[in-house]
N, C-alpha and C. Protein backbone atom coordinates (compact mmCIF):
# COMPACT_ATOMS: atom_id res chain seq x y z
N GLY A 1 174.89 58.28 86.52
CA GLY A 1 176.34 58.34 86.21
C GLY A 1 176.53 57.06 85.33
N LYS A 2 177.90 56.53 85.80
CA LYS A 2 178.11 55.30 84.98
C LYS A 2 177.53 54.15 85.12
N MET A 3 176.51 53.79 86.13
CA MET A 3 175.98 52.76 86.27
C MET A 3 174.38 52.86 85.50
N LYS A 4 174.07 54.03 85.49
CA LYS A 4 172.90 54.20 84.41
C LYS A 4 173.26 54.02 83.23
N ARG A 5 174.60 54.58 82.92
CA ARG A 5 174.73 54.34 81.36
C ARG A 5 175.15 52.84 81.08
N ALA A 6 175.53 52.13 82.00
CA ALA A 6 175.87 50.71 81.82
C ALA A 6 174.45 50.03 81.78
N ALA A 7 173.70 50.36 82.58
CA ALA A 7 172.46 49.54 82.55
C ALA A 7 171.60 49.83 81.37
N LEU A 8 171.74 51.18 80.94
CA LEU A 8 171.17 51.71 79.55
C LEU A 8 171.76 50.60 78.40
N ILE A 9 173.19 50.56 78.26
CA ILE A 9 173.53 49.73 77.27
C ILE A 9 173.52 48.46 77.36
N ALA A 10 173.24 47.90 78.51
CA ALA A 10 172.93 46.47 78.75
C ALA A 10 171.44 46.27 78.16
N ALA A 11 170.52 47.22 78.55
CA ALA A 11 169.24 47.09 78.40
C ALA A 11 169.03 47.32 76.49
N LEU A 12 169.80 48.08 76.08
CA LEU A 12 169.91 48.21 74.43
C LEU A 12 170.49 46.85 73.83
N LEU A 13 171.48 46.25 74.54
CA LEU A 13 171.92 45.09 73.71
C LEU A 13 170.81 44.02 74.12
N LEU A 14 169.99 43.85 75.04
CA LEU A 14 169.28 42.86 75.42
C LEU A 14 168.12 43.07 74.30
N LEU A 15 167.79 44.27 74.02
CA LEU A 15 166.61 44.42 73.25
C LEU A 15 166.82 44.30 71.66
N ALA A 16 168.10 44.29 71.45
CA ALA A 16 168.72 44.25 70.07
C ALA A 16 168.78 42.63 69.71
N GLY A 17 169.12 41.80 70.88
CA GLY A 17 168.65 40.30 70.67
C GLY A 17 167.74 40.07 70.30
N CYS A 18 166.51 40.60 70.94
CA CYS A 18 165.08 40.25 70.71
C CYS A 18 164.82 40.54 69.46
N ALA A 19 165.31 41.37 68.67
CA ALA A 19 164.90 41.93 67.28
C ALA A 19 165.17 40.68 66.27
N THR A 20 166.15 39.95 66.67
CA THR A 20 166.54 38.79 65.56
C THR A 20 165.36 37.49 65.65
N THR A 21 165.28 37.40 64.31
CA THR A 21 164.24 36.19 64.34
C THR A 21 164.86 34.96 64.39
N PRO A 22 164.38 34.17 65.30
CA PRO A 22 165.24 32.69 65.34
C PRO A 22 164.77 31.83 64.13
N PRO A 23 165.62 30.75 64.04
CA PRO A 23 165.57 30.17 62.80
C PRO A 23 164.28 29.08 63.08
N ALA A 24 163.58 28.70 61.95
CA ALA A 24 162.24 27.90 61.69
C ALA A 24 163.01 26.48 62.60
N PRO A 25 161.95 25.99 63.04
CA PRO A 25 162.46 24.59 63.59
C PRO A 25 162.50 23.45 62.33
N GLN A 26 163.42 22.64 62.30
CA GLN A 26 163.55 21.66 61.31
C GLN A 26 162.57 20.57 61.44
N VAL A 27 161.69 20.22 60.69
CA VAL A 27 160.73 19.10 60.76
C VAL A 27 161.46 17.86 60.38
N ILE A 28 161.51 16.88 61.12
CA ILE A 28 161.81 15.56 60.53
C ILE A 28 160.95 14.62 60.85
N ARG A 29 160.39 14.00 59.67
CA ARG A 29 159.35 13.02 59.77
C ARG A 29 160.08 11.77 59.77
N VAL A 30 159.48 10.78 60.95
CA VAL A 30 160.03 9.49 61.03
C VAL A 30 158.79 8.56 61.29
N THR A 31 158.70 7.45 60.20
CA THR A 31 157.78 6.69 60.02
C THR A 31 158.37 5.37 60.23
N PRO A 32 157.29 4.48 60.53
CA PRO A 32 157.60 3.08 60.64
C PRO A 32 158.07 2.45 59.44
N PRO A 33 158.68 1.55 59.38
CA PRO A 33 159.09 0.75 58.20
C PRO A 33 157.68 0.33 57.43
N ALA A 34 157.67 0.59 56.04
CA ALA A 34 156.71 0.31 55.19
C ALA A 34 156.12 -1.21 55.20
N SER A 35 156.99 -2.03 55.60
CA SER A 35 156.65 -3.41 55.90
C SER A 35 155.62 -3.67 56.97
N LEU A 36 155.62 -2.70 58.08
CA LEU A 36 154.53 -2.86 59.10
C LEU A 36 153.49 -2.04 58.79
N THR A 37 153.47 -1.27 57.67
CA THR A 37 152.10 -0.50 57.41
C THR A 37 151.40 -0.69 56.21
N GLU A 38 152.13 -1.39 55.21
CA GLU A 38 151.25 -1.56 54.17
C GLU A 38 150.24 -2.75 54.01
N PRO A 39 148.92 -2.56 53.71
CA PRO A 39 147.91 -3.29 53.94
C PRO A 39 148.27 -4.64 53.37
N GLU A 40 147.68 -5.50 53.90
CA GLU A 40 147.77 -7.00 53.31
C GLU A 40 146.42 -7.34 53.00
N ALA A 41 146.12 -7.97 51.75
CA ALA A 41 144.75 -8.30 51.45
C ALA A 41 144.21 -9.61 52.05
N ALA A 42 142.94 -9.50 52.57
CA ALA A 42 142.38 -10.47 53.19
C ALA A 42 142.27 -11.81 52.36
N PRO A 43 142.11 -12.81 53.06
CA PRO A 43 141.97 -14.10 52.31
C PRO A 43 140.58 -14.06 51.48
N SER A 44 140.63 -14.75 50.11
CA SER A 44 139.32 -14.79 49.42
C SER A 44 138.63 -15.67 50.08
N VAL A 45 137.05 -15.16 50.16
CA VAL A 45 135.83 -15.79 50.73
C VAL A 45 135.79 -17.05 49.55
N PRO A 46 135.47 -18.32 50.05
CA PRO A 46 135.08 -19.31 49.28
C PRO A 46 133.81 -18.91 48.62
N GLY A 47 133.53 -19.58 47.47
CA GLY A 47 132.49 -19.50 46.65
C GLY A 47 131.36 -20.38 47.03
N PRO A 48 130.29 -20.18 46.28
CA PRO A 48 128.98 -21.33 46.69
C PRO A 48 129.15 -22.34 46.52
N ASP A 49 130.25 -23.07 45.73
CA ASP A 49 130.48 -24.45 45.50
C ASP A 49 131.63 -25.00 46.63
N ALA A 50 131.89 -24.16 47.58
CA ALA A 50 133.20 -24.60 48.25
C ALA A 50 132.56 -25.81 49.55
N THR A 51 133.43 -26.51 49.79
CA THR A 51 133.35 -27.68 50.59
C THR A 51 133.50 -27.24 52.06
N GLN A 52 133.27 -28.03 52.88
CA GLN A 52 133.42 -27.63 54.56
C GLN A 52 134.96 -27.44 54.68
N LYS A 53 135.96 -28.46 53.98
CA LYS A 53 137.22 -28.15 54.03
C LYS A 53 137.74 -26.80 53.62
N ASP A 54 137.16 -26.46 52.50
CA ASP A 54 137.55 -24.88 51.90
C ASP A 54 137.09 -24.05 52.98
N VAL A 55 135.84 -24.01 53.47
CA VAL A 55 135.50 -23.01 54.65
C VAL A 55 136.64 -23.11 55.65
N ALA A 56 136.71 -24.53 56.21
CA ALA A 56 137.66 -24.48 57.34
C ALA A 56 139.24 -23.67 56.94
N ARG A 57 139.59 -23.77 55.80
CA ARG A 57 140.82 -23.37 55.35
C ARG A 57 140.64 -22.02 55.18
N TYR A 58 139.52 -21.57 54.79
CA TYR A 58 139.28 -20.01 54.56
C TYR A 58 139.28 -19.54 56.24
N LEU A 59 138.62 -20.16 56.98
CA LEU A 59 138.73 -19.51 58.57
C LEU A 59 140.02 -19.51 59.04
N LEU A 60 140.91 -20.65 58.73
CA LEU A 60 142.31 -20.59 59.34
C LEU A 60 142.90 -19.60 58.88
N GLN A 61 143.06 -19.35 57.53
CA GLN A 61 143.64 -18.13 56.64
C GLN A 61 143.13 -16.87 57.32
N LEU A 62 141.64 -16.69 57.56
CA LEU A 62 141.35 -15.47 58.11
C LEU A 62 141.86 -15.16 59.22
N HIS A 63 142.02 -16.05 60.30
CA HIS A 63 142.52 -15.92 61.60
C HIS A 63 143.95 -15.59 61.52
N GLN A 64 144.69 -16.24 60.72
CA GLN A 64 146.02 -15.74 60.58
C GLN A 64 146.44 -14.74 60.12
N TRP A 65 145.46 -13.92 59.02
CA TRP A 65 145.33 -12.61 58.46
C TRP A 65 145.37 -11.78 59.53
N GLY A 66 144.29 -11.92 60.36
CA GLY A 66 144.19 -11.17 61.63
C GLY A 66 145.23 -11.18 62.73
N GLN A 67 145.68 -12.36 62.96
CA GLN A 67 146.64 -12.27 63.96
C GLN A 67 147.93 -11.58 63.39
N ASP A 68 148.34 -11.73 62.06
CA ASP A 68 149.33 -10.93 61.31
C ASP A 68 149.50 -9.48 61.55
N GLY A 69 147.95 -8.96 61.51
CA GLY A 69 147.50 -7.69 61.65
C GLY A 69 147.99 -7.07 63.10
N TRP A 70 147.79 -7.86 64.01
CA TRP A 70 147.78 -7.58 65.52
C TRP A 70 149.29 -7.70 65.68
N ASP A 71 150.04 -8.67 65.13
CA ASP A 71 151.38 -8.74 65.31
C ASP A 71 152.08 -7.40 64.76
N ARG A 72 151.71 -7.06 63.66
CA ARG A 72 152.35 -5.81 62.88
C ARG A 72 151.91 -4.64 63.58
N LEU A 73 150.83 -4.41 64.34
CA LEU A 73 150.35 -3.33 65.11
C LEU A 73 151.56 -3.38 66.49
N ASP A 74 151.56 -4.69 66.92
CA ASP A 74 152.48 -4.67 68.11
C ASP A 74 154.06 -4.21 67.83
N ALA A 75 154.37 -4.45 66.68
CA ALA A 75 155.77 -4.23 66.17
C ALA A 75 156.01 -2.86 66.08
N ILE A 76 154.97 -2.17 65.58
CA ILE A 76 154.99 -0.58 65.45
C ILE A 76 154.97 -0.07 66.95
N ARG A 77 154.23 -0.41 67.75
CA ARG A 77 154.17 0.01 69.26
C ARG A 77 155.63 -0.11 69.64
N GLN A 78 156.16 -1.24 69.46
CA GLN A 78 157.71 -1.59 69.93
C GLN A 78 158.54 -0.61 69.24
N TRP A 79 158.47 -0.26 67.97
CA TRP A 79 159.23 0.57 67.18
C TRP A 79 159.28 1.90 67.71
N GLU A 80 157.90 2.38 67.95
CA GLU A 80 157.65 3.62 68.60
C GLU A 80 158.34 3.88 69.93
N LYS A 81 158.61 2.79 70.86
CA LYS A 81 159.16 2.91 72.07
C LYS A 81 160.77 2.99 71.83
N ASN A 82 161.22 2.46 70.87
CA ASN A 82 162.45 2.32 70.65
C ASN A 82 163.25 3.13 69.66
N LYS A 83 162.37 4.42 69.16
CA LYS A 83 163.03 5.04 68.11
C LYS A 83 163.77 6.11 68.71
């Protein structure tokens, strides 16, 4: 009777809804600031005529360069948490 007809119409409407294709998801690329990801050149290695003072200066610069890299990595991690 009427219940069968209503159930059939409801089923057809539900199936018709399945026939539509949902829109493709929109991809949004989020990247950290370039200042945190651009490579920074390592300090120049002293030449063969370098003094102990030159080598000491190089070691300090190398240490600072490495520390800057770790600081930038930490900043990227913080940026990831806060985006």
